[in-house]
């Protein structure tokens, strides 16, 4: 009986002894990874604190040009069709009026005429036009100077105008009588002095020289003045 009880006790003690716990094979590997990562962190911290850090300039974002508050929003340019201006005809007030003197058809007295020209006529151009107006022929009145007469030069020195005419004036006036010569000289001197108010005397030259007369009647060697008595 005693032996049987001992064997029972042995079997009971064997049953009561706890069995050793079985460890998971992943636990040691996990602990190893934790230790290794900790060492890496410590080494990185130590290395970064011992080496100076390189400071890089901060990069600013590129700003695109935009509309500011002070700049008003521009409006698109509108192109409008413009009407072409038609040139206006020149009026009488904007032109130069030349006053000139010619003879009646009977050659007995002087008649006054006016003609409009471009307002920008120079003194030389006026002188040329006056000689032309005194020499061209027309039906209702007579030219006081021979048709071939030409103006060579005109000099303006206040108060004297000096005109140099071609020898054709003398050749055409060779048959002038006293009255014809007086009327021709009056038309010539008055036509110049009427259009140049700053001048009061006219000296006539023939081919650059002074002459006593044109046809032997009226003295033209001295400067001539305006002669209103010959005008109707």
Foldseek 3Di string as FASTA:
>chain_A
DVVVVVVVVVVVVVVPDDDDDDDDPCVVVVVVVVVVVVVVVVVVVVVVVVDDDDDDDDDDDDDDDDDDPVDDDDDDDDDDDDDDDDDDDDDQVQWQKAKFWFAFAVNPAIEIDIDTHHRPDDLFNLLQVRVCVQQDDDDGTGRLFHNPKGWDDWDDDPQEIETEIECVRLVVCQPPDQSSQVRSVQRNFQSSCVRPVRYFWYQYHYPNHADQGSHPHHGRNDTDGHDPVRYD
